[in-house]
Amino acid sequence: YNKLEDKFVVPPFSVLDTRQGYWQDRKRYWKGLIGDNGESRENTLHDSSSSTKSVMNKMSSVSILDPVLAEISNRWFGLDNCQTFDCFAGDSVFGYVSDALGNTFTGIELRKEQADLNNNRLKGSKSKYICDDGQNVLKHIKEKSQDFLFSCPPYFDLVVYSDLPTDASNQKEYNDFLQILNNAFSDSIKCLKDNRFAFIVVGDIRAKDGTYYRFPDHIKKIFTENGMSLYNEMILVDSLGTLPQRVGRFMKNRKVGKCHQNILVFYKGDTKKIKDNYKELDFSSIEYDSEDV
């Protein structure tokens, strides 16, 4: 697949494997530039009766967006020098990468300490993070003004980021969590221009009885009911981390170790116009070891 990874950064298959050498090399490159190690999230994860979350808290697990995923989402589904945004912005990775690629990013982030840290990393650029509830996206971004929506929303209560009442991760009931996402994404879709993509990273989560909520299905429902079409569906294969040490305990209840996330790509508009609006991709001339992206 050497030619494919040269041309497209990573092979454009429905399975994206973060464990591959070409992915890891590129990830190290971006991490060196960005320097986001989740500082603002350390010691902020809230206690929970959820066994999964308690394990994550004890491990001081901090979820940081994979910069290579941020890069390929921009390169594959954005436009040159375009307007990108995220109503659940989180860490600084996507904004930094999108800005470095020549785009102007606007992120809505509920936590002030996170928004401030992100803005410090983007000093001197047109990109910015706004501290507000993602449900208020239309207060900050005009309708039909954006070219690309990227989001990796909270996975319900898997990790609780704050005790703020409007924090989606801080909802006691799954339906309340979904309503927050529905409100934010419904208005975010209004911010997208016609004939544009949305790239959503999600992963299913288990209820207290061990069964899955079917979270990706609910995201599909939100977007399709708001007029967008499901255009691509991918699996992001994650590194194993400590999963091999934990999976023995999971299997007592016959739960297999989950080491992937779902990527859902939606399109707003006429799919017949994609090849006219989006140029043919070829990134083989990019020098990855240079200081310039």
Protein backbone atom coordinates (compact mmCIF):
# COMPACT_ATOMS: atom_id res chain seq x y z
CA TYR A 1 0.00 0.00 0.00
CA ASN A 2 2.99 2.35 -0.22
CA LYS A 3 1.55 4.32 -3.15
CA LEU A 4 -1.79 4.70 -1.40
CA GLU A 5 -0.28 6.03 1.81
CA ASP A 6 1.90 8.42 -0.17
CA LYS A 7 -1.02 9.72 -2.19
CA PHE A 8 -3.65 9.90 0.58
CA VAL A 9 -1.52 10.16 3.80
CA VAL A 10 -3.01 6.79 4.87
CA PRO A 11 -4.77 4.20 2.67
CA PRO A 12 -8.41 5.33 2.23
CA PHE A 13 -10.06 2.11 3.32
CA SER A 14 -13.08 1.58 5.57
CA VAL A 15 -10.68 0.34 8.27
CA LEU A 16 -8.13 2.90 9.48
CA ASP A 17 -5.37 1.21 11.47
CA THR A 18 -3.61 3.52 13.93
CA ARG A 19 -1.16 0.73 14.81
CA GLN A 20 0.60 0.84 11.44
CA GLY A 21 4.08 2.32 11.21
CA TYR A 22 3.11 5.00 8.70
CA TRP A 23 0.34 6.16 11.08
CA GLN A 24 2.56 6.15 14.17
CA ASP A 25 5.34 8.05 12.40
CA ARG A 26 2.93 10.72 11.28
CA LYS A 27 1.36 10.88 14.75
CA ARG A 28 4.73 11.51 16.40
CA TYR A 29 5.39 14.29 13.93
CA TRP A 30 2.12 16.07 14.76
CA LYS A 31 2.41 15.53 18.51
CA GLY A 32 5.83 17.18 18.45
CA LEU A 33 4.31 20.23 16.77
CA ILE A 34 1.14 20.47 18.86
CA GLY A 35 2.40 19.60 22.33
CA ASP A 36 -1.09 18.81 23.65
CA ASN A 37 -0.81 16.11 26.31
CA GLY A 38 -4.20 16.73 27.87
CA GLU A 39 -2.90 19.06 30.57
CA SER A 40 -6.22 20.77 31.18
CA ARG A 41 -8.02 17.47 31.65
CA GLU A 42 -5.68 15.98 34.22
CA ASN A 43 -7.26 15.50 37.64
CA THR A 44 -10.58 16.78 36.34
CA LEU A 45 -12.25 13.48 35.58
CA HIS A 46 -15.10 13.10 38.03
CA ASP A 47 -15.82 10.07 40.18
CA SER A 48 -18.49 7.70 39.02
CA SER A 49 -20.07 4.46 40.07
CA SER A 50 -19.44 3.21 36.55
CA SER A 51 -16.75 0.55 36.77
CA THR A 52 -15.37 1.46 33.35
CA LYS A 53 -15.08 5.11 34.24
CA SER A 54 -13.55 4.36 37.64
CA VAL A 55 -10.83 2.34 35.94
CA MET A 56 -10.16 5.23 33.58
CA ASN A 57 -10.03 7.71 36.45
CA LYS A 58 -7.60 5.61 38.46
CA MET A 59 -5.41 5.36 35.38
CA SER A 60 -5.63 9.15 34.92
CA SER A 61 -6.72 8.35 31.40
CA VAL A 62 -6.91 11.43 29.22
CA SER A 63 -8.53 11.12 25.81
CA ILE A 64 -6.70 13.17 23.19
CA LEU A 65 -7.79 13.27 19.56
CA ASP A 66 -5.45 11.46 17.18
CA PRO A 67 -3.79 14.19 15.07
CA VAL A 68 -3.50 11.92 12.02
CA LEU A 69 -7.27 11.46 12.10
CA ALA A 70 -7.60 15.24 12.28
CA GLU A 71 -5.27 15.58 9.30
CA ILE A 72 -6.95 13.08 7.00
CA SER A 73 -10.44 14.33 7.87
CA ASN A 74 -9.38 17.85 6.81
CA ARG A 75 -7.53 16.70 3.72
CA TRP A 76 -10.16 14.22 2.49
CA PHE A 77 -13.40 16.01 3.32
CA GLY A 78 -12.50 19.68 3.66
CA LEU A 79 -11.61 22.23 0.99
CA ASP A 80 -8.53 24.38 0.49
CA ASN A 81 -8.42 27.31 2.93
CA CYS A 82 -11.91 26.57 4.19
CA GLN A 83 -13.98 27.26 7.30
CA THR A 84 -14.03 24.35 9.77
CA PHE A 85 -15.80 24.01 13.11
CA ASP A 86 -16.69 21.73 16.02
CA CYS A 87 -19.49 22.25 18.56
CA PHE A 88 -17.86 19.81 21.05
CA ALA A 89 -14.28 20.96 20.56
CA GLY A 90 -12.42 19.41 23.51
CA ASP A 91 -8.62 19.46 23.18
CA SER A 92 -6.61 21.65 20.82
CA VAL A 93 -5.62 18.95 18.31
CA PHE A 94 -8.21 19.39 15.58
CA GLY A 95 -8.07 23.19 15.70
CA TYR A 96 -4.27 23.18 15.54
CA VAL A 97 -4.12 20.70 12.66
CA SER A 98 -6.90 22.35 10.68
CA ASP A 99 -5.27 25.75 11.13
CA ALA A 100 -1.85 24.40 10.14
CA LEU A 101 -3.38 23.09 6.93
CA GLY A 102 -4.55 26.58 6.01
CA ASN A 103 -8.12 26.50 7.30
CA THR A 104 -9.88 28.81 9.76
CA PHE A 105 -11.31 26.82 12.65
CA THR A 106 -13.96 27.76 15.21
CA GLY A 107 -14.44 25.50 18.21
CA ILE A 108 -17.11 25.67 20.88
CA GLU A 109 -15.82 24.33 24.19
CA LEU A 110 -17.76 24.29 27.46
CA ARG A 111 -14.79 24.29 29.82
CA LYS A 112 -13.03 27.65 30.19
CA GLU A 113 -9.66 26.18 31.18
CA GLN A 114 -9.66 24.02 28.05
CA ALA A 115 -10.75 26.87 25.75
CA ASP A 116 -8.06 29.17 27.19
CA LEU A 117 -5.34 26.55 26.77
CA ASN A 118 -6.44 25.86 23.19
CA ASN A 119 -6.43 29.57 22.30
CA ASN A 120 -2.90 29.92 23.68
CA ARG A 121 -1.78 27.28 21.20
CA LEU A 122 -3.43 29.16 18.35
CA LYS A 123 -2.08 32.64 19.17
CA GLY A 124 -1.58 34.73 16.07
CA SER A 125 -4.03 32.76 13.90
CA LYS A 126 -7.58 33.42 12.77
CA SER A 127 -8.72 30.16 14.34
CA LYS A 128 -10.28 30.33 17.80
CA TYR A 129 -12.03 28.47 20.59
CA ILE A 130 -15.13 30.00 22.15
CA CYS A 131 -16.09 29.08 25.71
CA ASP A 132 -19.80 28.25 25.56
CA ASP A 133 -22.29 25.42 25.41
CA GLY A 134 -22.23 23.58 22.07
CA GLN A 135 -25.99 23.95 21.99
CA ASN A 136 -25.41 27.69 21.47
CA VAL A 137 -23.43 27.24 18.26
CA LEU A 138 -25.74 29.53 16.26
CA LYS A 139 -24.88 32.40 18.61
CA HIS A 140 -21.32 32.30 17.32
CA ILE A 141 -21.45 30.84 13.81
CA LYS A 142 -23.71 32.02 11.01
CA GLU A 143 -25.98 29.65 9.12
CA LYS A 144 -24.49 28.22 5.89
CA SER A 145 -21.08 29.77 6.59
CA GLN A 146 -18.96 26.65 7.21
CA ASP A 147 -17.30 24.16 4.90
CA PHE A 148 -16.57 21.23 7.20
CA LEU A 149 -17.96 19.96 10.48
CA PHE A 150 -15.72 17.71 12.55
CA SER A 151 -16.70 16.40 15.97
CA CYS A 152 -15.78 13.75 18.48
CA PRO A 153 -18.54 14.31 21.06
CA PRO A 154 -18.49 12.91 24.62
CA TYR A 155 -19.25 9.21 24.92
CA PHE A 156 -22.03 9.79 27.46
CA ASP A 157 -20.64 9.15 30.97
CA LEU A 158 -17.61 7.07 29.95
CA VAL A 159 -15.50 10.04 31.04
CA VAL A 160 -17.05 12.95 32.93
CA TYR A 161 -15.16 16.14 32.13
CA SER A 162 -16.87 18.58 34.48
CA ASP A 163 -19.74 19.06 36.91
CA LEU A 164 -21.32 21.73 34.70
CA PRO A 165 -25.06 21.06 34.32
CA THR A 166 -25.01 21.41 30.52
CA ASP A 167 -21.97 19.13 30.10
CA ALA A 168 -23.21 16.24 27.94
CA SER A 169 -20.91 13.85 29.83
CA ASN A 170 -22.47 14.91 33.14
CA GLN A 171 -26.03 13.77 32.38
CA LYS A 172 -27.55 11.05 34.54
CA GLU A 173 -29.80 9.70 31.81
CA TYR A 174 -28.71 8.62 28.36
CA ASN A 175 -31.73 10.29 26.74
CA ASP A 176 -30.78 13.64 28.32
CA PHE A 177 -27.26 13.20 26.93
CA LEU A 178 -28.68 12.47 23.47
CA GLN A 179 -30.91 15.53 23.61
CA ILE A 180 -27.90 17.79 24.17
CA LEU A 181 -26.16 16.23 21.16
CA ASN A 182 -29.34 16.52 19.11
CA ASN A 183 -29.67 20.22 19.92
CA ALA A 184 -26.02 20.98 19.16
CA PHE A 185 -25.73 18.95 15.97
CA SER A 186 -29.10 20.06 14.57
CA ASP A 187 -27.96 23.68 14.77
CA SER A 188 -24.43 22.81 13.58
CA ILE A 189 -25.88 21.28 10.43
CA LYS A 190 -27.58 24.63 9.77
CA CYS A 191 -24.12 26.23 9.91
CA LEU A 192 -22.84 24.02 7.09
CA LYS A 193 -23.00 25.24 3.52
CA ASP A 194 -24.73 23.01 1.00
CA ASN A 195 -22.67 20.25 -0.61
CA ARG A 196 -20.36 19.86 2.38
CA PHE A 197 -19.27 17.02 4.69
CA ALA A 198 -19.53 16.27 8.40
CA PHE A 199 -17.05 13.85 10.00
CA ILE A 200 -18.17 12.42 13.34
CA VAL A 201 -16.07 10.14 15.55
CA VAL A 202 -18.11 8.02 17.95
CA GLY A 203 -17.89 4.76 19.86
CA ASP A 204 -20.59 2.65 21.41
CA ILE A 205 -20.91 2.57 25.20
CA ARG A 206 -22.34 0.04 27.58
CA ALA A 207 -25.25 0.60 29.94
CA LYS A 208 -25.08 -0.58 33.54
CA ASP A 209 -26.55 -3.95 32.52
CA GLY A 210 -23.66 -4.47 30.11
CA THR A 211 -25.64 -4.00 26.90
CA TYR A 212 -24.76 -1.39 24.29
CA TYR A 213 -26.74 1.84 23.94
CA ARG A 214 -26.23 1.77 20.14
CA PHE A 215 -24.77 5.29 20.24
CA PRO A 216 -23.54 5.30 16.59
CA ASP A 217 -27.05 4.46 15.43
CA HIS A 218 -28.44 7.41 17.35
CA ILE A 219 -25.88 9.76 15.78
CA LYS A 220 -26.93 8.49 12.36
CA LYS A 221 -30.53 9.24 13.26
CA ILE A 222 -29.74 12.81 14.36
CA PHE A 223 -27.91 13.64 11.14
CA THR A 224 -30.23 11.92 8.69
CA GLU A 225 -33.30 13.46 10.32
CA ASN A 226 -31.63 16.84 9.77
CA GLY A 227 -31.28 16.23 6.05
CA MET A 228 -27.77 14.80 5.80
CA SER A 229 -26.96 11.49 4.10
CA LEU A 230 -24.67 8.84 5.55
CA TYR A 231 -21.91 8.72 2.93
CA ASN A 232 -18.99 6.82 4.50
CA GLU A 233 -18.64 4.57 7.52
CA MET A 234 -15.21 3.63 8.83
CA ILE A 235 -13.66 1.77 11.73
CA LEU A 236 -10.73 3.35 13.55
CA VAL A 237 -8.55 0.62 15.06
CA ASP A 238 -7.04 1.89 18.32
CA SER A 239 -3.83 0.88 20.06
CA LEU A 240 -4.38 -1.78 22.69
CA GLY A 241 -2.87 0.10 25.62
CA THR A 242 -3.76 -1.75 28.83
CA LEU A 243 -6.62 -3.66 27.23
CA PRO A 244 -4.77 -7.01 27.27
CA GLN A 245 -4.43 -6.69 31.07
CA ARG A 246 -8.13 -5.85 31.50
CA VAL A 247 -9.84 -8.11 29.00
CA GLY A 248 -9.58 -11.20 31.21
CA ARG A 249 -11.84 -9.52 33.73
CA PHE A 250 -14.28 -8.45 31.00
CA MET A 251 -14.57 -11.97 29.65
CA LYS A 252 -15.97 -13.24 32.95
CA ASN A 253 -19.14 -11.54 31.73
CA ARG A 254 -18.39 -12.46 28.10
CA LYS A 255 -17.58 -8.88 27.11
CA VAL A 256 -14.93 -8.74 24.41
CA GLY A 257 -12.33 -5.99 24.65
CA LYS A 258 -13.35 -3.03 22.49
CA CYS A 259 -10.42 -1.51 20.60
CA HIS A 260 -12.09 0.49 17.85
CA GLN A 261 -14.17 3.59 17.25
CA ASN A 262 -16.70 4.38 14.55
CA ILE A 263 -16.31 7.17 12.02
CA LEU A 264 -19.47 8.41 10.34
CA VAL A 265 -19.17 10.75 7.37
CA PHE A 266 -22.32 12.59 6.35
CA TYR A 267 -23.00 14.75 3.31
CA LYS A 268 -25.32 17.74 3.02
CA GLY A 269 -26.53 18.26 -0.53
CA ASP A 270 -26.32 16.63 -3.94
CA THR A 271 -23.80 13.78 -3.96
CA LYS A 272 -23.48 14.08 -7.75
CA LYS A 273 -21.68 17.40 -7.22
CA ILE A 274 -18.92 15.97 -4.99
CA LYS A 275 -16.43 15.31 -7.80
CA ASP A 276 -17.05 18.82 -9.15
CA ASN A 277 -16.58 20.59 -5.80
CA TYR A 278 -13.77 18.42 -4.44
CA LYS A 279 -10.56 18.08 -6.42
CA GLU A 280 -8.69 14.83 -6.95
CA LEU A 281 -6.41 14.08 -4.00
CA ASP A 282 -2.68 13.58 -4.25
CA PHE A 283 -0.39 14.41 -1.32
CA SER A 284 2.67 12.49 -2.55
CA SER A 285 4.68 15.71 -2.84
CA ILE A 286 4.35 16.52 0.89
CA GLU A 287 7.60 16.38 2.85
CA TYR A 288 6.53 14.98 6.22
CA ASP A 289 9.88 15.44 7.90
CA SER A 290 10.03 19.17 7.16
CA GLU A 291 8.92 21.85 9.57
CA ASP A 292 6.12 22.82 7.21
CA VAL A 293 3.05 20.62 6.92
